Amino acid sequence: MAIERYVLLKLHPEHATPEGREAVVAESRRALAQVTGVRAVWAGVPADEASAKSWDVALRVTLDDVAAISAYLDDPVHQAYVDGFLAPRVSFKKVWNFAPA
């Protein structure tokens, strides 16, 4: 059963620009697609003003199953992406995992 992992990112002000958001979207798609157990990656920016007040980038990562979450978090590609790319850009994030009902 596939798992959907939702991640909402609030960027530091210097990265919360159209170019900064697009850089996070592009790198998220590129890096996360390489992580073992990832079936699909979707990344986007707020579509309306209300959303843009709270978040800069949204991610949805489809994983094989619940067991894949741990492997995903421990994967060296994921760790390099989070520690090396996201950490300097992100001021706050929220993460949730959902399974189909």
C-alpha atoms as a PDB file:
ATOM      1  CA  MET A   1       0.000   0.000   0.000  1.00  0.00           C
ATOM      2  CA  ALA A   2       1.527   3.317  -1.093  1.00  0.00           C
ATOM      3  CA  ILE A   3       2.111   6.089   1.430  1.00  0.00           C
ATOM      4  CA  GLU A   4       1.777   9.791   0.614  1.00  0.00           C
ATOM      5  CA  ARG A   5       4.208  12.030   2.520  1.00  0.00           C
ATOM      6  CA  TYR A   6       3.185  15.699   2.567  1.00  0.00           C
ATOM      7  CA  VAL A   7       5.782  18.342   3.395  1.00  0.00           C
ATOM      8  CA  LEU A   8       5.059  22.063   3.689  1.00  0.00           C
ATOM      9  CA  LEU A   9       8.032  24.450   3.724  1.00  0.00           C
ATOM     10  CA  LYS A  10       8.354  28.027   4.920  1.00  0.00           C
ATOM     11  CA  LEU A  11      11.523  29.551   3.508  1.00  0.00           C
ATOM     12  CA  HIS A  12      13.792  32.149   5.058  1.00  0.00           C
ATOM     13  CA  PRO A  13      12.881  35.604   3.668  1.00  0.00           C
ATOM     14  CA  GLU A  14      15.924  35.761   1.390  1.00  0.00           C
ATOM     15  CA  HIS A  15      14.769  32.515  -0.303  1.00  0.00           C
ATOM     16  CA  ALA A  16      11.029  33.313  -0.278  1.00  0.00           C
ATOM     17  CA  THR A  17      11.169  34.804  -3.763  1.00  0.00           C
ATOM     18  CA  PRO A  18       9.817  33.393  -7.020  1.00  0.00           C
ATOM     19  CA  GLU A  19      13.363  32.319  -7.945  1.00  0.00           C
ATOM     20  CA  GLY A  20      14.052  30.852  -4.513  1.00  0.00           C
ATOM     21  CA  ARG A  21      10.803  28.884  -4.497  1.00  0.00           C
ATOM     22  CA  GLU A  22      11.453  27.560  -7.992  1.00  0.00           C
ATOM     23  CA  ALA A  23      14.974  26.480  -6.983  1.00  0.00           C
ATOM     24  CA  VAL A  24      13.533  24.484  -4.067  1.00  0.00           C
ATOM     25  CA  VAL A  25      10.875  22.931  -6.310  1.00  0.00           C
ATOM     26  CA  ALA A  26      13.427  21.927  -8.964  1.00  0.00           C
ATOM     27  CA  GLU A  27      15.974  20.501  -6.525  1.00  0.00           C
ATOM     28  CA  SER A  28      13.271  18.670  -4.574  1.00  0.00           C
ATOM     29  CA  ARG A  29      12.030  16.969  -7.730  1.00  0.00           C
ATOM     30  CA  ARG A  30      15.553  16.080  -8.814  1.00  0.00           C
ATOM     31  CA  ALA A  31      16.929  14.846  -5.495  1.00  0.00           C
ATOM     32  CA  LEU A  32      13.903  13.050  -4.072  1.00  0.00           C
ATOM     33  CA  ALA A  33      13.297  11.112  -7.295  1.00  0.00           C
ATOM     34  CA  GLN A  34      16.670   9.420  -6.667  1.00  0.00           C
ATOM     35  CA  VAL A  35      15.792   8.138  -3.188  1.00  0.00           C
ATOM     36  CA  THR A  36      15.165   4.396  -2.945  1.00  0.00           C
ATOM     37  CA  GLY A  37      11.494   3.556  -2.409  1.00  0.00           C
ATOM     38  CA  VAL A  38      10.181   6.803  -3.896  1.00  0.00           C
ATOM     39  CA  ARG A  39       7.525   6.177  -6.544  1.00  0.00           C
ATOM     40  CA  ALA A  40       6.722   9.796  -7.399  1.00  0.00           C
ATOM     41  CA  VAL A  41       7.507  13.367  -6.383  1.00  0.00           C
ATOM     42  CA  TRP A  42       5.231  16.371  -6.771  1.00  0.00           C
ATOM     43  CA  ALA A  43       6.382  19.859  -5.822  1.00  0.00           C
ATOM     44  CA  GLY A  44       4.614  23.181  -6.180  1.00  0.00           C
ATOM     45  CA  VAL A  45       4.185  26.740  -4.969  1.00  0.00           C
ATOM     46  CA  PRO A  46       1.116  28.406  -3.439  1.00  0.00           C
ATOM     47  CA  ALA A  47      -1.755  28.962  -5.842  1.00  0.00           C
ATOM     48  CA  ASP A  48      -3.443  31.735  -3.858  1.00  0.00           C
ATOM     49  CA  GLU A  49      -2.602  34.585  -1.526  1.00  0.00           C
ATOM     50  CA  ALA A  50      -3.903  32.868   1.613  1.00  0.00           C
ATOM     51  CA  SER A  51      -1.647  29.855   1.050  1.00  0.00           C
ATOM     52  CA  ALA A  52       1.333  32.059   0.239  1.00  0.00           C
ATOM     53  CA  LYS A  53       1.053  33.777   3.623  1.00  0.00           C
ATOM     54  CA  SER A  54       1.789  30.487   5.390  1.00  0.00           C
ATOM     55  CA  TRP A  55       3.892  28.350   3.038  1.00  0.00           C
ATOM     56  CA  ASP A  56       6.356  28.760   0.182  1.00  0.00           C
ATOM     57  CA  VAL A  57       6.645  25.218  -1.192  1.00  0.00           C
ATOM     58  CA  ALA A  58       4.578  22.048  -0.880  1.00  0.00           C
ATOM     59  CA  LEU A  59       5.921  18.560  -1.578  1.00  0.00           C
ATOM     60  CA  ARG A  60       4.148  15.233  -1.951  1.00  0.00           C
ATOM     61  CA  VAL A  61       6.325  12.139  -2.043  1.00  0.00           C
ATOM     62  CA  THR A  62       4.779   8.770  -2.836  1.00  0.00           C
ATOM     63  CA  LEU A  63       6.577   5.908  -1.081  1.00  0.00           C
ATOM     64  CA  ASP A  64       6.158   2.167  -1.510  1.00  0.00           C
ATOM     65  CA  ASP A  65       4.796   1.475   1.971  1.00  0.00           C
ATOM     66  CA  VAL A  66       5.113   2.399   5.659  1.00  0.00           C
ATOM     67  CA  ALA A  67       8.429   0.554   5.949  1.00  0.00           C
ATOM     68  CA  ALA A  68       9.817   2.744   3.179  1.00  0.00           C
ATOM     69  CA  ILE A  69       9.516   5.861   5.373  1.00  0.00           C
ATOM     70  CA  SER A  70      12.453   4.837   7.579  1.00  0.00           C
ATOM     71  CA  ALA A  71      14.566   3.859   4.595  1.00  0.00           C
ATOM     72  CA  TYR A  72      13.665   7.160   2.905  1.00  0.00           C
ATOM     73  CA  LEU A  73      14.718   9.196   5.944  1.00  0.00           C
ATOM     74  CA  ASP A  74      18.001   7.273   6.276  1.00  0.00           C
ATOM     75  CA  ASP A  75      18.868   7.330   2.564  1.00  0.00           C
ATOM     76  CA  PRO A  76      22.135   9.272   1.972  1.00  0.00           C
ATOM     77  CA  VAL A  77      20.588  11.160  -0.971  1.00  0.00           C
ATOM     78  CA  HIS A  78      17.687  12.295   1.223  1.00  0.00           C
ATOM     79  CA  GLN A  79      20.015  13.272   4.061  1.00  0.00           C
ATOM     80  CA  ALA A  80      22.256  15.297   1.727  1.00  0.00           C
ATOM     81  CA  TYR A  81      19.197  17.044   0.273  1.00  0.00           C
ATOM     82  CA  VAL A  82      17.760  17.902   3.717  1.00  0.00           C
ATOM     83  CA  ASP A  83      21.030  18.819   5.448  1.00  0.00           C
ATOM     84  CA  GLY A  84      22.908  20.388   2.556  1.00  0.00           C
ATOM     85  CA  PHE A  85      20.179  21.980   0.460  1.00  0.00           C
ATOM     86  CA  LEU A  86      17.018  22.529   2.529  1.00  0.00           C
ATOM     87  CA  ALA A  87      18.449  23.380   5.950  1.00  0.00           C
ATOM     88  CA  PRO A  88      19.999  26.711   4.884  1.00  0.00           C
ATOM     89  CA  ARG A  89      16.775  27.732   3.077  1.00  0.00           C
ATOM     90  CA  VAL A  90      13.945  26.529   5.339  1.00  0.00           C
ATOM     91  CA  SER A  91      12.813  28.281   8.510  1.00  0.00           C
ATOM     92  CA  PHE A  92       9.915  25.918   9.298  1.00  0.00           C
ATOM     93  CA  LYS A  93       8.431  22.706   7.946  1.00  0.00           C
ATOM     94  CA  LYS A  94       5.496  20.411   8.646  1.00  0.00           C
ATOM     95  CA  VAL A  95       5.390  16.760   7.610  1.00  0.00           C
ATOM     96  CA  TRP A  96       2.548  14.227   7.540  1.00  0.00           C
ATOM     97  CA  ASN A  97       2.217  10.665   6.189  1.00  0.00           C
ATOM     98  CA  PHE A  98      -1.086   9.286   4.894  1.00  0.00           C
ATOM     99  CA  ALA A  99      -2.245   5.882   3.679  1.00  0.00           C
ATOM    100  CA  PRO A 100      -5.233   5.239   1.413  1.00  0.00           C
ATOM    101  CA  ALA A 101      -8.442   4.374   3.253  1.00  0.00           C
END
